[in-house]
Amino acid sequence: MTRACVLLADGFEETEAVTLIDVLRRARVDVVTAGIRARRVTGSHAIPIEADATLADVAHETFDAVVLPGGMPGATHLRDDAGVRALVTAQHAAGRWVAAICAAPIVLGAAGLLRGKRATCYPGFESQLEGASVSTDPVVIDHRIMTSRGVGTALEMSLALVRELVDATTARKLGSAMLVAG
């Protein structure tokens, strides 16, 4: 079974996180949510979420994708956490997927994963995508790194992840059932 880990830090963007989790689970991806410090994590709009585990609980597990929702200050908490940087670095080195949306691509920039790659992010964070060729496309895929711009692109990114992790037919069927144009 395909497995994904969605990392949550206090200040995460709720719509991005829940959209990614929901769509991946609809595609029958085994999604584990992990708070970087504790299981109870509060989003940037004061919505608390109870994660399945903590980062320490899952740091040595194997996932087909590690997914980082944005939001502030959630993205900076992710960026500044050595365990998060180690996980995304190991994930990428193993040839598995790393995905980040909104401000969260700054984590990938800080980890050195974007050098020589195309990436996108929420406007204003481009300078923190160290070494990347910055795009304004809603979703950018380059060498098993997927980045996206923000809340308005969360469904598109979620379906792109389904396309890559499961298959195009499942992504198309889910998009149709959710009345997503495209």
C-alpha atoms as a PDB file:
ATOM      1  CA  MET A   1       0.000   0.000   0.000  1.00  0.00           C
ATOM      2  CA  THR A   2       1.176   3.499  -0.814  1.00  0.00           C
ATOM      3  CA  ARG A   3       2.052   5.526   2.294  1.00  0.00           C
ATOM      4  CA  ALA A   4       2.359   9.278   2.845  1.00  0.00           C
ATOM      5  CA  CYS A   5       3.288  11.328   5.877  1.00  0.00           C
ATOM      6  CA  VAL A   6       1.865  14.827   6.298  1.00  0.00           C
ATOM      7  CA  LEU A   7       3.955  16.828   8.765  1.00  0.00           C
ATOM      8  CA  LEU A   8       2.167  19.391  10.932  1.00  0.00           C
ATOM      9  CA  ALA A   9       3.726  22.232  12.920  1.00  0.00           C
ATOM     10  CA  ASP A  10       1.914  24.826  14.997  1.00  0.00           C
ATOM     11  CA  GLY A  11       0.752  27.543  12.614  1.00  0.00           C
ATOM     12  CA  PHE A  12       0.115  25.223   9.638  1.00  0.00           C
ATOM     13  CA  GLU A  13      -2.444  26.236   6.999  1.00  0.00           C
ATOM     14  CA  GLU A  14      -5.515  24.186   7.826  1.00  0.00           C
ATOM     15  CA  THR A  15      -7.133  24.168   4.381  1.00  0.00           C
ATOM     16  CA  GLU A  16      -3.947  22.931   2.710  1.00  0.00           C
ATOM     17  CA  ALA A  17      -3.317  20.209   5.284  1.00  0.00           C
ATOM     18  CA  VAL A  18      -6.854  18.859   5.398  1.00  0.00           C
ATOM     19  CA  THR A  19      -7.253  19.004   1.603  1.00  0.00           C
ATOM     20  CA  LEU A  20      -4.046  17.037   1.064  1.00  0.00           C
ATOM     21  CA  ILE A  21      -4.918  14.477   3.749  1.00  0.00           C
ATOM     22  CA  ASP A  22      -8.502  14.077   2.526  1.00  0.00           C
ATOM     23  CA  VAL A  23      -7.743  13.674  -1.177  1.00  0.00           C
ATOM     24  CA  LEU A  24      -4.887  11.233  -0.559  1.00  0.00           C
ATOM     25  CA  ARG A  25      -7.108   9.141   1.716  1.00  0.00           C
ATOM     26  CA  ARG A  26      -9.893   9.179  -0.904  1.00  0.00           C
ATOM     27  CA  ALA A  27      -7.292   7.663  -3.246  1.00  0.00           C
ATOM     28  CA  ARG A  28      -6.668   4.949  -0.637  1.00  0.00           C
ATOM     29  CA  VAL A  29      -3.204   6.216   0.246  1.00  0.00           C
ATOM     30  CA  ASP A  30      -2.302   5.307   3.839  1.00  0.00           C
ATOM     31  CA  VAL A  31      -1.795   8.816   5.249  1.00  0.00           C
ATOM     32  CA  VAL A  32      -0.087   9.307   8.592  1.00  0.00           C
ATOM     33  CA  THR A  33      -0.272  12.792  10.100  1.00  0.00           C
ATOM     34  CA  ALA A  34       2.658  13.663  12.351  1.00  0.00           C
ATOM     35  CA  GLY A  35       3.050  16.670  14.610  1.00  0.00           C
ATOM     36  CA  ILE A  36       6.661  17.754  14.711  1.00  0.00           C
ATOM     37  CA  ARG A  37       6.639  18.250  18.489  1.00  0.00           C
ATOM     38  CA  ALA A  38       3.337  16.858  19.782  1.00  0.00           C
ATOM     39  CA  ARG A  39       0.247  15.101  18.491  1.00  0.00           C
ATOM     40  CA  ARG A  40      -2.001  18.096  19.174  1.00  0.00           C
ATOM     41  CA  VAL A  41      -1.151  20.802  16.647  1.00  0.00           C
ATOM     42  CA  THR A  42      -2.908  24.146  16.192  1.00  0.00           C
ATOM     43  CA  GLY A  43      -3.246  25.701  12.760  1.00  0.00           C
ATOM     44  CA  SER A  44      -2.680  29.307  11.771  1.00  0.00           C
ATOM     45  CA  HIS A  45      -6.410  30.027  12.213  1.00  0.00           C
ATOM     46  CA  ALA A  46      -6.578  28.507  15.710  1.00  0.00           C
ATOM     47  CA  ILE A  47      -8.057  25.181  14.557  1.00  0.00           C
ATOM     48  CA  PRO A  48      -6.556  22.313  16.570  1.00  0.00           C
ATOM     49  CA  ILE A  49      -5.832  18.967  14.900  1.00  0.00           C
ATOM     50  CA  GLU A  50      -4.953  15.713  16.639  1.00  0.00           C
ATOM     51  CA  ALA A  51      -2.191  14.094  14.585  1.00  0.00           C
ATOM     52  CA  ASP A  52      -1.818  10.324  14.330  1.00  0.00           C
ATOM     53  CA  ALA A  53       1.731  10.437  15.689  1.00  0.00           C
ATOM     54  CA  THR A  54       4.709  12.673  16.367  1.00  0.00           C
ATOM     55  CA  LEU A  55       7.692  13.134  14.080  1.00  0.00           C
ATOM     56  CA  ALA A  56       9.815  11.144  16.557  1.00  0.00           C
ATOM     57  CA  ASP A  57       7.325   8.241  16.280  1.00  0.00           C
ATOM     58  CA  VAL A  58       7.605   8.038  12.481  1.00  0.00           C
ATOM     59  CA  ALA A  59      11.071   9.419  11.694  1.00  0.00           C
ATOM     60  CA  HIS A  60      12.471   5.991  10.799  1.00  0.00           C
ATOM     61  CA  GLU A  61       9.451   4.706   8.871  1.00  0.00           C
ATOM     62  CA  THR A  62       9.375   4.471   5.092  1.00  0.00           C
ATOM     63  CA  PHE A  63       6.916   6.647   3.176  1.00  0.00           C
ATOM     64  CA  ASP A  64       6.323   6.991  -0.537  1.00  0.00           C
ATOM     65  CA  ALA A  65       5.800  10.728   0.047  1.00  0.00           C
ATOM     66  CA  VAL A  66       6.438  13.271   2.778  1.00  0.00           C
ATOM     67  CA  VAL A  67       4.106  16.246   2.449  1.00  0.00           C
ATOM     68  CA  LEU A  68       4.532  19.691   4.013  1.00  0.00           C
ATOM     69  CA  PRO A  69       1.551  22.054   4.314  1.00  0.00           C
ATOM     70  CA  GLY A  70       2.367  25.748   4.434  1.00  0.00           C
ATOM     71  CA  GLY A  71       0.976  28.469   6.641  1.00  0.00           C
ATOM     72  CA  MET A  72       2.761  30.816   8.962  1.00  0.00           C
ATOM     73  CA  PRO A  73       4.463  30.371  11.271  1.00  0.00           C
ATOM     74  CA  GLY A  74       4.049  26.646  10.533  1.00  0.00           C
ATOM     75  CA  ALA A  75       6.420  26.706   7.560  1.00  0.00           C
ATOM     76  CA  THR A  76       9.181  28.373   9.579  1.00  0.00           C
ATOM     77  CA  HIS A  77       8.698  25.832  12.376  1.00  0.00           C
ATOM     78  CA  LEU A  78       9.118  23.056   9.811  1.00  0.00           C
ATOM     79  CA  ARG A  79      12.155  24.780   8.261  1.00  0.00           C
ATOM     80  CA  ASP A  80      13.859  25.278  11.623  1.00  0.00           C
ATOM     81  CA  ASP A  81      13.360  21.693  12.834  1.00  0.00           C
ATOM     82  CA  ALA A  82      16.446  19.518  12.294  1.00  0.00           C
ATOM     83  CA  GLY A  83      14.324  16.355  12.304  1.00  0.00           C
ATOM     84  CA  VAL A  84      12.119  17.659   9.500  1.00  0.00           C
ATOM     85  CA  ARG A  85      15.137  18.656   7.402  1.00  0.00           C
ATOM     86  CA  ALA A  86      16.719  15.233   8.020  1.00  0.00           C
ATOM     87  CA  LEU A  87      13.521  13.423   7.007  1.00  0.00           C
ATOM     88  CA  VAL A  88      12.997  15.339   3.761  1.00  0.00           C
ATOM     89  CA  THR A  89      16.690  15.000   2.878  1.00  0.00           C
ATOM     90  CA  ALA A  90      16.642  11.229   3.462  1.00  0.00           C
ATOM     91  CA  GLN A  91      13.346  10.931   1.595  1.00  0.00           C
ATOM     92  CA  HIS A  92      14.766  12.719  -1.442  1.00  0.00           C
ATOM     93  CA  ALA A  93      18.069  10.818  -1.318  1.00  0.00           C
ATOM     94  CA  ALA A  94      16.097   7.551  -1.412  1.00  0.00           C
ATOM     95  CA  GLY A  95      14.286   8.679  -4.571  1.00  0.00           C
ATOM     96  CA  ARG A  96      10.921   9.045  -2.865  1.00  0.00           C
ATOM     97  CA  TRP A  97       8.519  11.985  -3.145  1.00  0.00           C
ATOM     98  CA  VAL A  98       8.750  15.234  -1.190  1.00  0.00           C
ATOM     99  CA  ALA A  99       5.918  17.739  -1.598  1.00  0.00           C
ATOM    100  CA  ALA A 100       5.503  21.230  -0.142  1.00  0.00           C
ATOM    101  CA  ILE A 101       2.860  23.900  -0.628  1.00  0.00           C
ATOM    102  CA  CYS A 102       2.557  27.641   0.066  1.00  0.00           C
ATOM    103  CA  ALA A 103       5.459  28.801   2.269  1.00  0.00           C
ATOM    104  CA  ALA A 104       6.613  25.235   3.043  1.00  0.00           C
ATOM    105  CA  PRO A 105       8.974  24.994   0.032  1.00  0.00           C
ATOM    106  CA  ILE A 106      11.321  27.118   2.186  1.00  0.00           C
ATOM    107  CA  VAL A 107      12.004  23.878   4.079  1.00  0.00           C
ATOM    108  CA  LEU A 108      13.256  22.290   0.871  1.00  0.00           C
ATOM    109  CA  GLY A 109      15.331  25.368   0.086  1.00  0.00           C
ATOM    110  CA  ALA A 110      16.940  25.309   3.537  1.00  0.00           C
ATOM    111  CA  ALA A 111      17.675  21.585   3.138  1.00  0.00           C
ATOM    112  CA  GLY A 112      19.435  22.240  -0.186  1.00  0.00           C
ATOM    113  CA  LEU A 113      16.978  20.110  -2.161  1.00  0.00           C
ATOM    114  CA  LEU A 114      15.996  22.788  -4.693  1.00  0.00           C
ATOM    115  CA  ARG A 115      19.416  23.557  -6.187  1.00  0.00           C
ATOM    116  CA  GLY A 116      19.121  23.304  -9.942  1.00  0.00           C
ATOM    117  CA  LYS A 117      15.420  22.430  -9.824  1.00  0.00           C
ATOM    118  CA  ARG A 118      12.206  24.239 -10.729  1.00  0.00           C
ATOM    119  CA  ALA A 119       9.944  25.124  -7.799  1.00  0.00           C
ATOM    120  CA  THR A 120       7.104  27.402  -6.833  1.00  0.00           C
ATOM    121  CA  CYS A 121       5.774  28.852  -3.582  1.00  0.00           C
ATOM    122  CA  TYR A 122       3.504  31.465  -2.074  1.00  0.00           C
ATOM    123  CA  PRO A 123       4.445  34.935  -3.390  1.00  0.00           C
ATOM    124  CA  GLY A 124       7.083  36.598  -1.220  1.00  0.00           C
ATOM    125  CA  PHE A 125       9.011  33.446  -0.284  1.00  0.00           C
ATOM    126  CA  GLU A 126      10.877  33.023  -3.571  1.00  0.00           C
ATOM    127  CA  SER A 127      14.199  34.229  -2.138  1.00  0.00           C
ATOM    128  CA  GLN A 128      14.148  31.299   0.313  1.00  0.00           C
ATOM    129  CA  LEU A 129      13.963  28.688  -2.451  1.00  0.00           C
ATOM    130  CA  GLU A 130      17.750  28.506  -2.427  1.00  0.00           C
ATOM    131  CA  GLY A 131      19.156  27.541  -5.815  1.00  0.00           C
ATOM    132  CA  ALA A 132      15.790  26.994  -7.489  1.00  0.00           C
ATOM    133  CA  SER A 133      14.545  28.237 -10.807  1.00  0.00           C
ATOM    134  CA  VAL A 134      11.357  29.852  -9.497  1.00  0.00           C
ATOM    135  CA  SER A 135       8.105  29.360 -11.383  1.00  0.00           C
ATOM    136  CA  THR A 136       4.645  30.868 -10.949  1.00  0.00           C
ATOM    137  CA  ASP A 137       2.947  27.674 -12.138  1.00  0.00           C
ATOM    138  CA  PRO A 138       0.331  26.399  -9.653  1.00  0.00           C
ATOM    139  CA  VAL A 139       2.102  23.035  -9.252  1.00  0.00           C
ATOM    140  CA  VAL A 140       5.691  22.249 -10.221  1.00  0.00           C
ATOM    141  CA  ILE A 141       7.224  18.770 -10.360  1.00  0.00           C
ATOM    142  CA  ASP A 142      10.981  18.279 -10.718  1.00  0.00           C
ATOM    143  CA  HIS A 143      12.853  15.067  -9.796  1.00  0.00           C
ATOM    144  CA  ARG A 144      10.253  13.759  -7.318  1.00  0.00           C
ATOM    145  CA  ILE A 145       9.906  17.164  -5.674  1.00  0.00           C
ATOM    146  CA  MET A 146       6.459  18.716  -5.945  1.00  0.00           C
ATOM    147  CA  THR A 147       5.787  22.319  -4.934  1.00  0.00           C
ATOM    148  CA  SER A 148       2.622  24.371  -5.091  1.00  0.00           C
ATOM    149  CA  ARG A 149       1.575  27.971  -4.435  1.00  0.00           C
ATOM    150  CA  GLY A 150      -1.085  27.971  -1.696  1.00  0.00           C
ATOM    151  CA  VAL A 151      -4.649  27.380  -0.561  1.00  0.00           C
ATOM    152  CA  GLY A 152      -6.073  28.014  -4.032  1.00  0.00           C
ATOM    153  CA  THR A 153      -3.852  25.308  -5.530  1.00  0.00           C
ATOM    154  CA  ALA A 154      -4.278  22.686  -2.785  1.00  0.00           C
ATOM    155  CA  LEU A 155      -6.782  20.566  -4.736  1.00  0.00           C
ATOM    156  CA  GLU A 156      -4.650  20.698  -7.878  1.00  0.00           C
ATOM    157  CA  MET A 157      -1.582  19.644  -5.892  1.00  0.00           C
ATOM    158  CA  SER A 158      -3.512  16.893  -4.108  1.00  0.00           C
ATOM    159  CA  LEU A 159      -4.689  15.440  -7.399  1.00  0.00           C
ATOM    160  CA  ALA A 160      -1.163  15.717  -8.837  1.00  0.00           C
ATOM    161  CA  LEU A 161       0.093  13.707  -5.860  1.00  0.00           C
ATOM    162  CA  VAL A 162      -2.597  11.092  -6.478  1.00  0.00           C
ATOM    163  CA  ARG A 163      -1.543  10.957 -10.146  1.00  0.00           C
ATOM    164  CA  GLU A 164       2.099  10.349  -9.131  1.00  0.00           C
ATOM    165  CA  LEU A 165       1.527   8.054  -6.136  1.00  0.00           C
ATOM    166  CA  VAL A 166      -1.454   6.039  -7.416  1.00  0.00           C
ATOM    167  CA  ASP A 167      -2.315   6.624 -11.083  1.00  0.00           C
ATOM    168  CA  ALA A 168      -3.855   9.095 -13.523  1.00  0.00           C
ATOM    169  CA  THR A 169      -7.181   7.255 -13.705  1.00  0.00           C
ATOM    170  CA  THR A 170      -7.720   7.530  -9.943  1.00  0.00           C
ATOM    171  CA  ALA A 171      -6.784  11.214 -10.012  1.00  0.00           C
ATOM    172  CA  ARG A 172      -9.213  11.852 -12.883  1.00  0.00           C
ATOM    173  CA  LYS A 173     -12.052   9.972 -11.159  1.00  0.00           C
ATOM    174  CA  LEU A 174     -11.501  11.829  -7.880  1.00  0.00           C
ATOM    175  CA  GLY A 175     -11.330  15.176  -9.642  1.00  0.00           C
ATOM    176  CA  SER A 176     -14.561  14.432 -11.453  1.00  0.00           C
ATOM    177  CA  ALA A 177     -16.336  13.265  -8.286  1.00  0.00           C
ATOM    178  CA  MET A 178     -15.210  16.447  -6.478  1.00  0.00           C
ATOM    179  CA  LEU A 179     -16.312  18.612  -9.445  1.00  0.00           C
ATOM    180  CA  VAL A 180     -12.778  19.878  -9.984  1.00  0.00           C
ATOM    181  CA  ALA A 181     -12.406  21.367 -13.450  1.00  0.00           C
ATOM    182  CA  GLY A 182      -9.651  20.022 -15.615  1.00  0.00           C
END
